[in-house]
Amino acid sequence: MKQTLVQDALKIVQSPQVLVNIVSKRVRQLGQGFRPLVAYDPKLTFMDVALKEVAEGKLGYEMIEVPSAAGTSLALPAKKSRKAAAA
């Protein structure tokens, strides 16, 4: 993995955790035979190719907003013990 590619990709995707998820999924795709979206040197690993795709803006992502649970009760149903269930 080339550090310059990581730094370039982090300029596009500010969160390292999100970048890891994007690259991980793309590496799996490349390993399954998907074609790269950028020109690359055969010496590069799938991770380097994925980072290069992110850095060049070829891969995007979408953040889904999860509604807040504020003001709602998230009480889970009580689990029955085995003795109570048998009775």
N, C-alpha and C. Protein backbone atom coordinates (compact mmCIF):
# COMPACT_ATOMS: atom_id res chain seq x y z
N MET A 1 0.85 -1.17 0.00
CA MET A 1 0.00 0.00 0.00
C MET A 1 0.89 1.23 0.00
N LYS A 2 0.56 2.15 -0.87
CA LYS A 2 1.36 3.36 -0.99
C LYS A 2 0.74 4.48 -0.17
N GLN A 3 1.54 5.07 0.69
CA GLN A 3 1.07 6.11 1.60
C GLN A 3 0.53 7.33 0.86
N THR A 4 1.11 7.64 -0.29
CA THR A 4 0.63 8.80 -1.06
C THR A 4 -0.79 8.57 -1.55
N LEU A 5 -1.12 7.33 -1.92
CA LEU A 5 -2.48 7.03 -2.36
C LEU A 5 -3.47 7.17 -1.21
N VAL A 6 -3.05 6.76 -0.03
CA VAL A 6 -3.91 6.89 1.15
C VAL A 6 -4.18 8.36 1.43
N GLN A 7 -3.14 9.17 1.42
CA GLN A 7 -3.31 10.60 1.69
C GLN A 7 -4.20 11.27 0.64
N ASP A 8 -4.03 10.90 -0.64
CA ASP A 8 -4.87 11.46 -1.70
C ASP A 8 -6.32 11.05 -1.53
N ALA A 9 -6.55 9.79 -1.15
CA ALA A 9 -7.92 9.29 -0.95
C ALA A 9 -8.57 9.96 0.25
N LEU A 10 -7.78 10.23 1.30
CA LEU A 10 -8.33 10.90 2.49
C LEU A 10 -8.71 12.35 2.22
N LYS A 11 -8.18 12.95 1.16
CA LYS A 11 -8.61 14.30 0.78
C LYS A 11 -10.03 14.27 0.21
N ILE A 12 -10.41 13.15 -0.39
CA ILE A 12 -11.75 13.00 -0.97
C ILE A 12 -12.73 12.52 0.09
N VAL A 13 -12.36 11.48 0.82
CA VAL A 13 -13.19 10.90 1.89
C VAL A 13 -12.52 11.27 3.21
N GLN A 14 -13.11 12.18 3.96
CA GLN A 14 -12.44 12.70 5.14
C GLN A 14 -12.37 11.70 6.30
N SER A 15 -13.27 10.76 6.35
CA SER A 15 -13.31 9.81 7.47
C SER A 15 -12.50 8.55 7.14
N PRO A 16 -11.48 8.24 7.93
CA PRO A 16 -10.70 7.02 7.68
C PRO A 16 -11.55 5.75 7.77
N GLN A 17 -12.54 5.75 8.67
CA GLN A 17 -13.39 4.57 8.81
C GLN A 17 -14.22 4.33 7.55
N VAL A 18 -14.74 5.40 6.98
CA VAL A 18 -15.53 5.28 5.75
C VAL A 18 -14.62 4.84 4.61
N LEU A 19 -13.42 5.39 4.55
CA LEU A 19 -12.47 5.02 3.51
C LEU A 19 -12.14 3.53 3.57
N VAL A 20 -11.95 3.01 4.77
CA VAL A 20 -11.66 1.58 4.93
C VAL A 20 -12.80 0.75 4.37
N ASN A 21 -14.04 1.14 4.65
CA ASN A 21 -15.19 0.39 4.16
C ASN A 21 -15.30 0.45 2.64
N ILE A 22 -15.06 1.61 2.06
CA ILE A 22 -15.13 1.76 0.60
C ILE A 22 -14.06 0.90 -0.06
N VAL A 23 -12.84 1.01 0.42
CA VAL A 23 -11.73 0.27 -0.17
C VAL A 23 -11.91 -1.23 0.01
N SER A 24 -12.39 -1.63 1.17
CA SER A 24 -12.60 -3.06 1.44
C SER A 24 -13.60 -3.67 0.46
N LYS A 25 -14.70 -2.99 0.26
CA LYS A 25 -15.71 -3.50 -0.68
C LYS A 25 -15.18 -3.53 -2.10
N ARG A 26 -14.44 -2.50 -2.48
CA ARG A 26 -13.91 -2.44 -3.84
C ARG A 26 -12.84 -3.50 -4.07
N VAL A 27 -12.02 -3.78 -3.07
CA VAL A 27 -10.99 -4.82 -3.19
C VAL A 27 -11.66 -6.17 -3.43
N ARG A 28 -12.76 -6.44 -2.71
CA ARG A 28 -13.51 -7.68 -2.93
C ARG A 28 -14.01 -7.76 -4.36
N GLN A 29 -14.54 -6.64 -4.87
CA GLN A 29 -15.05 -6.61 -6.24
C GLN A 29 -13.93 -6.87 -7.24
N LEU A 30 -12.80 -6.22 -7.06
CA LEU A 30 -11.67 -6.42 -7.97
C LEU A 30 -11.18 -7.87 -7.92
N GLY A 31 -11.19 -8.45 -6.74
CA GLY A 31 -10.79 -9.84 -6.59
C GLY A 31 -11.73 -10.81 -7.30
N GLN A 32 -12.97 -10.41 -7.44
CA GLN A 32 -13.96 -11.24 -8.12
C GLN A 32 -13.94 -11.05 -9.63
N GLY A 33 -13.09 -10.13 -10.12
CA GLY A 33 -12.96 -9.96 -11.55
C GLY A 33 -13.55 -8.69 -12.13
N PHE A 34 -14.06 -7.80 -11.28
CA PHE A 34 -14.56 -6.52 -11.78
C PHE A 34 -13.40 -5.74 -12.39
N ARG A 35 -13.70 -4.96 -13.39
CA ARG A 35 -12.65 -4.19 -14.06
C ARG A 35 -12.34 -2.91 -13.30
N PRO A 36 -11.06 -2.55 -13.24
CA PRO A 36 -10.68 -1.28 -12.59
C PRO A 36 -11.23 -0.09 -13.37
N LEU A 37 -11.51 0.99 -12.65
CA LEU A 37 -12.05 2.20 -13.26
C LEU A 37 -10.95 3.19 -13.66
N VAL A 38 -9.71 2.86 -13.36
CA VAL A 38 -8.58 3.73 -13.68
C VAL A 38 -7.49 2.91 -14.36
N ALA A 39 -6.62 3.60 -15.07
CA ALA A 39 -5.44 2.94 -15.63
C ALA A 39 -4.48 2.68 -14.47
N TYR A 40 -3.87 1.52 -14.47
CA TYR A 40 -3.01 1.17 -13.34
C TYR A 40 -1.80 0.37 -13.80
N ASP A 41 -0.80 0.37 -12.98
CA ASP A 41 0.42 -0.40 -13.20
C ASP A 41 0.17 -1.82 -12.68
N PRO A 42 0.54 -2.86 -13.42
CA PRO A 42 0.30 -4.23 -12.95
C PRO A 42 0.96 -4.55 -11.61
N LYS A 43 1.92 -3.75 -11.18
CA LYS A 43 2.59 -3.98 -9.90
C LYS A 43 1.70 -3.60 -8.71
N LEU A 44 0.67 -2.79 -8.95
CA LEU A 44 -0.18 -2.33 -7.86
C LEU A 44 -1.08 -3.46 -7.37
N THR A 45 -1.33 -3.46 -6.07
CA THR A 45 -2.27 -4.42 -5.49
C THR A 45 -3.69 -3.92 -5.69
N PHE A 46 -4.67 -4.78 -5.41
CA PHE A 46 -6.07 -4.36 -5.53
C PHE A 46 -6.36 -3.19 -4.59
N MET A 47 -5.71 -3.17 -3.42
CA MET A 47 -5.92 -2.07 -2.48
C MET A 47 -5.41 -0.76 -3.07
N ASP A 48 -4.26 -0.80 -3.72
CA ASP A 48 -3.72 0.41 -4.34
C ASP A 48 -4.63 0.90 -5.46
N VAL A 49 -5.16 -0.03 -6.25
CA VAL A 49 -6.07 0.34 -7.34
C VAL A 49 -7.33 0.99 -6.76
N ALA A 50 -7.89 0.40 -5.70
CA ALA A 50 -9.09 0.96 -5.08
C ALA A 50 -8.82 2.35 -4.52
N LEU A 51 -7.68 2.53 -3.86
CA LEU A 51 -7.33 3.86 -3.33
C LEU A 51 -7.16 4.87 -4.46
N LYS A 52 -6.58 4.44 -5.55
CA LYS A 52 -6.39 5.33 -6.70
C LYS A 52 -7.75 5.72 -7.30
N GLU A 53 -8.68 4.78 -7.33
CA GLU A 53 -10.03 5.08 -7.84
C GLU A 53 -10.72 6.11 -6.96
N VAL A 54 -10.57 5.98 -5.66
CA VAL A 54 -11.17 6.96 -4.73
C VAL A 54 -10.50 8.31 -4.91
N ALA A 55 -9.18 8.33 -4.96
CA ALA A 55 -8.43 9.58 -5.08
C ALA A 55 -8.76 10.34 -6.36
N GLU A 56 -9.05 9.60 -7.44
CA GLU A 56 -9.38 10.24 -8.71
C GLU A 56 -10.86 10.54 -8.86
N GLY A 57 -11.64 10.23 -7.83
CA GLY A 57 -13.07 10.55 -7.86
C GLY A 57 -13.91 9.58 -8.67
N LYS A 58 -13.39 8.41 -8.95
CA LYS A 58 -14.13 7.42 -9.73
C LYS A 58 -15.10 6.63 -8.87
N LEU A 59 -14.84 6.55 -7.57
CA LEU A 59 -15.73 5.87 -6.63
C LEU A 59 -16.36 6.90 -5.72
N GLY A 60 -17.63 6.75 -5.51
CA GLY A 60 -18.31 7.65 -4.59
C GLY A 60 -18.98 6.86 -3.49
N TYR A 61 -19.60 7.57 -2.58
CA TYR A 61 -20.32 6.92 -1.50
C TYR A 61 -21.45 7.83 -1.07
N GLU A 62 -22.40 7.25 -0.39
CA GLU A 62 -23.55 8.00 0.07
C GLU A 62 -23.78 7.67 1.53
N MET A 63 -23.88 8.68 2.36
CA MET A 63 -24.12 8.48 3.79
C MET A 63 -25.63 8.50 4.01
N ILE A 64 -26.14 7.50 4.67
CA ILE A 64 -27.56 7.41 4.96
C ILE A 64 -27.78 7.91 6.38
N GLU A 65 -28.70 8.84 6.53
CA GLU A 65 -29.00 9.38 7.85
C GLU A 65 -29.96 8.45 8.57
N VAL A 66 -29.62 8.10 9.79
CA VAL A 66 -30.47 7.25 10.61
C VAL A 66 -31.30 8.16 11.50
N PRO A 67 -32.61 7.98 11.51
CA PRO A 67 -33.42 8.86 12.36
C PRO A 67 -33.04 8.71 13.82
N SER A 68 -33.08 9.81 14.52
CA SER A 68 -32.71 9.83 15.94
C SER A 68 -33.77 9.12 16.76
N ALA A 69 -33.33 8.44 17.81
CA ALA A 69 -34.24 7.75 18.71
C ALA A 69 -34.62 8.62 19.89
N ALA A 70 -34.32 9.90 19.83
CA ALA A 70 -34.61 10.81 20.94
C ALA A 70 -36.12 10.93 21.12
N GLY A 71 -36.56 10.79 22.34
CA GLY A 71 -37.98 10.94 22.63
C GLY A 71 -38.78 9.67 22.43
N THR A 72 -38.16 8.62 21.97
CA THR A 72 -38.89 7.37 21.79
C THR A 72 -38.33 6.33 22.74
N SER A 73 -39.17 5.45 23.14
CA SER A 73 -38.75 4.38 24.03
C SER A 73 -38.32 3.19 23.19
N LEU A 74 -37.13 2.71 23.43
CA LEU A 74 -36.62 1.56 22.71
C LEU A 74 -36.61 0.33 23.60
N ALA A 75 -37.64 0.18 24.38
CA ALA A 75 -37.71 -0.95 25.31
C ALA A 75 -37.85 -2.25 24.52
N LEU A 76 -37.01 -3.18 24.85
CA LEU A 76 -37.06 -4.48 24.20
C LEU A 76 -38.03 -5.37 24.98
N PRO A 77 -38.69 -6.30 24.28
CA PRO A 77 -39.58 -7.20 25.00
C PRO A 77 -38.78 -8.05 25.97
N ALA A 78 -39.38 -8.32 27.11
CA ALA A 78 -38.71 -9.11 28.15
C ALA A 78 -38.56 -10.55 27.67
N LYS A 79 -37.39 -11.11 27.91
CA LYS A 79 -37.15 -12.50 27.53
C LYS A 79 -37.73 -13.40 28.61
N LYS A 80 -38.37 -14.45 28.18
CA LYS A 80 -38.92 -15.41 29.12
C LYS A 80 -37.86 -16.43 29.46
N SER A 81 -37.83 -16.81 30.71
CA SER A 81 -36.90 -17.86 31.09
C SER A 81 -37.44 -19.19 30.61
N ARG A 82 -36.61 -20.18 30.57
CA ARG A 82 -37.04 -21.50 30.09
C ARG A 82 -38.12 -22.07 31.01
N LYS A 83 -37.99 -21.81 32.30
CA LYS A 83 -38.98 -22.33 33.24
C LYS A 83 -40.34 -21.69 33.01
N ALA A 84 -40.35 -20.38 32.75
CA ALA A 84 -41.62 -19.69 32.53
C ALA A 84 -42.23 -20.12 31.20
N ALA A 85 -41.41 -20.40 30.21
CA ALA A 85 -41.91 -20.80 28.90
C ALA A 85 -42.49 -22.22 28.96
N ALA A 86 -41.95 -23.08 29.82
CA ALA A 86 -42.42 -24.45 29.93
C ALA A 86 -43.74 -24.53 30.70
N ALA A 87 -44.04 -23.57 31.54
CA ALA A 87 -45.23 -23.61 32.38
C ALA A 87 -46.49 -23.28 31.63
